[in-house]
Amino acid sequence: MKMELIDPQVQNGKIQSVMRYWTKQLSAVINRTASRSIVAGAENLVNKLNGIRPITLSSELCEDHLEAYSEAANRFIEDIELEVQ
């Protein structure tokens, strides 16, 4: 609008090039801000996870978990095979 006030005969291409420039600038700022937010959130999650002490499982409990995971894996493989056929 400022360009039109200064020169009423301003070319349409000139206005579009200025609009493209500012659109790129705003897009870069938005992307940079979003990226920083994502990195900060990920860093916060990593810090929380690093602060949690791992639970040591007894050997019996480990075997129970392993057996449950094996059964789930076998069921998953069977389901996939049925879907493929």
C-alpha atoms as a PDB file:
ATOM      1  CA  MET A   1       0.000   0.000   0.000  1.00  0.00           C
ATOM      2  CA  LYS A   2       2.878   2.326   0.796  1.00  0.00           C
ATOM      3  CA  MET A   3       4.302   1.703  -2.681  1.00  0.00           C
ATOM      4  CA  GLU A   4       0.956   2.638  -4.232  1.00  0.00           C
ATOM      5  CA  LEU A   5       0.788   5.842  -2.174  1.00  0.00           C
ATOM      6  CA  ILE A   6       4.225   6.915  -3.394  1.00  0.00           C
ATOM      7  CA  ASP A   7       3.687   5.856  -7.009  1.00  0.00           C
ATOM      8  CA  PRO A   8       0.101   5.199  -8.156  1.00  0.00           C
ATOM      9  CA  GLN A   9       1.457   3.554 -11.317  1.00  0.00           C
ATOM     10  CA  VAL A  10       3.451   0.918  -9.395  1.00  0.00           C
ATOM     11  CA  GLN A  11       3.725  -2.323 -11.318  1.00  0.00           C
ATOM     12  CA  ASN A  12       1.877  -5.393 -10.091  1.00  0.00           C
ATOM     13  CA  GLY A  13       5.042  -7.507 -10.331  1.00  0.00           C
ATOM     14  CA  LYS A  14       6.854  -5.191  -7.953  1.00  0.00           C
ATOM     15  CA  ILE A  15       4.106  -5.559  -5.354  1.00  0.00           C
ATOM     16  CA  GLN A  16       4.125  -9.340  -5.743  1.00  0.00           C
ATOM     17  CA  SER A  17       7.908  -9.532  -5.323  1.00  0.00           C
ATOM     18  CA  VAL A  18       7.715  -7.520  -2.081  1.00  0.00           C
ATOM     19  CA  MET A  19       4.892  -9.761  -0.843  1.00  0.00           C
ATOM     20  CA  ARG A  20       6.937 -12.876  -1.692  1.00  0.00           C
ATOM     21  CA  TYR A  21       9.915 -11.454   0.191  1.00  0.00           C
ATOM     22  CA  TRP A  22       7.930 -10.771   3.353  1.00  0.00           C
ATOM     23  CA  THR A  23       6.124 -14.096   3.110  1.00  0.00           C
ATOM     24  CA  LYS A  24       9.486 -15.898   3.032  1.00  0.00           C
ATOM     25  CA  GLN A  25      10.740 -13.853   5.976  1.00  0.00           C
ATOM     26  CA  LEU A  26       7.655 -14.634   8.073  1.00  0.00           C
ATOM     27  CA  SER A  27       7.778 -18.287   7.099  1.00  0.00           C
ATOM     28  CA  ALA A  28      11.408 -18.504   8.212  1.00  0.00           C
ATOM     29  CA  VAL A  29      10.576 -16.945  11.587  1.00  0.00           C
ATOM     30  CA  ILE A  30       7.641 -19.327  12.107  1.00  0.00           C
ATOM     31  CA  ASN A  31       9.756 -22.369  11.164  1.00  0.00           C
ATOM     32  CA  ARG A  32      12.595 -21.285  13.449  1.00  0.00           C
ATOM     33  CA  THR A  33      10.226 -20.771  16.381  1.00  0.00           C
ATOM     34  CA  ALA A  34       8.490 -24.113  15.806  1.00  0.00           C
ATOM     35  CA  SER A  35      11.838 -25.909  15.563  1.00  0.00           C
ATOM     36  CA  ARG A  36      13.036 -24.381  18.818  1.00  0.00           C
ATOM     37  CA  SER A  37       9.807 -25.426  20.538  1.00  0.00           C
ATOM     38  CA  ILE A  38      10.157 -29.008  19.298  1.00  0.00           C
ATOM     39  CA  VAL A  39      13.797 -29.216  20.394  1.00  0.00           C
ATOM     40  CA  ALA A  40      12.956 -27.748  23.816  1.00  0.00           C
ATOM     41  CA  GLY A  41      10.115 -30.268  24.265  1.00  0.00           C
ATOM     42  CA  ALA A  42      12.322 -33.175  23.237  1.00  0.00           C
ATOM     43  CA  GLU A  43      15.076 -32.005  25.567  1.00  0.00           C
ATOM     44  CA  ASN A  44      12.563 -31.777  28.412  1.00  0.00           C
ATOM     45  CA  LEU A  45      11.378 -35.357  27.762  1.00  0.00           C
ATOM     46  CA  VAL A  46      14.942 -36.680  27.623  1.00  0.00           C
ATOM     47  CA  ASN A  47      15.788 -34.937  30.875  1.00  0.00           C
ATOM     48  CA  LYS A  48      12.713 -36.420  32.551  1.00  0.00           C
ATOM     49  CA  LEU A  49      13.543 -39.914  31.287  1.00  0.00           C
ATOM     50  CA  ASN A  50      17.153 -39.629  32.385  1.00  0.00           C
ATOM     51  CA  GLY A  51      15.959 -38.669  35.848  1.00  0.00           C
ATOM     52  CA  ILE A  52      13.884 -41.848  36.254  1.00  0.00           C
ATOM     53  CA  ARG A  53      15.758 -44.741  37.783  1.00  0.00           C
ATOM     54  CA  PRO A  54      15.451 -47.981  35.854  1.00  0.00           C
ATOM     55  CA  ILE A  55      13.470 -50.696  37.593  1.00  0.00           C
ATOM     56  CA  THR A  56      15.473 -53.862  38.046  1.00  0.00           C
ATOM     57  CA  LEU A  57      13.375 -56.914  37.436  1.00  0.00           C
ATOM     58  CA  SER A  58      13.849 -60.279  39.066  1.00  0.00           C
ATOM     59  CA  SER A  59      14.728 -63.155  36.783  1.00  0.00           C
ATOM     60  CA  GLU A  60      11.245 -64.679  37.196  1.00  0.00           C
ATOM     61  CA  LEU A  61       9.588 -61.420  36.283  1.00  0.00           C
ATOM     62  CA  CYS A  62      11.910 -61.051  33.288  1.00  0.00           C
ATOM     63  CA  GLU A  63      10.953 -64.529  32.085  1.00  0.00           C
ATOM     64  CA  ASP A  64       7.250 -63.687  32.452  1.00  0.00           C
ATOM     65  CA  HIS A  65       7.712 -60.524  30.427  1.00  0.00           C
ATOM     66  CA  LEU A  66       9.725 -62.363  27.796  1.00  0.00           C
ATOM     67  CA  GLU A  67       7.073 -65.060  27.524  1.00  0.00           C
ATOM     68  CA  ALA A  68       4.296 -62.480  27.190  1.00  0.00           C
ATOM     69  CA  TYR A  69       6.235 -60.604  24.506  1.00  0.00           C
ATOM     70  CA  SER A  70       6.939 -63.852  22.644  1.00  0.00           C
ATOM     71  CA  GLU A  71       3.244 -64.759  22.657  1.00  0.00           C
ATOM     72  CA  ALA A  72       2.310 -61.287  21.442  1.00  0.00           C
ATOM     73  CA  ALA A  73       4.943 -61.480  18.704  1.00  0.00           C
ATOM     74  CA  ASN A  74       3.697 -64.894  17.572  1.00  0.00           C
ATOM     75  CA  ARG A  75       0.078 -63.634  17.459  1.00  0.00           C
ATOM     76  CA  PHE A  76       1.211 -60.620  15.464  1.00  0.00           C
ATOM     77  CA  ILE A  77       3.065 -62.819  12.958  1.00  0.00           C
ATOM     78  CA  GLU A  78       0.022 -65.072  12.588  1.00  0.00           C
ATOM     79  CA  ASP A  79      -2.239 -62.061  12.015  1.00  0.00           C
ATOM     80  CA  ILE A  80       0.108 -60.689   9.367  1.00  0.00           C
ATOM     81  CA  GLU A  81       0.265 -64.070   7.630  1.00  0.00           C
ATOM     82  CA  LEU A  82      -3.532 -64.263   7.558  1.00  0.00           C
ATOM     83  CA  GLU A  83      -3.791 -60.780   6.084  1.00  0.00           C
ATOM     84  CA  VAL A  84      -1.202 -61.548   3.402  1.00  0.00           C
ATOM     85  CA  GLN A  85      -2.977 -64.695   2.280  1.00  0.00           C
END
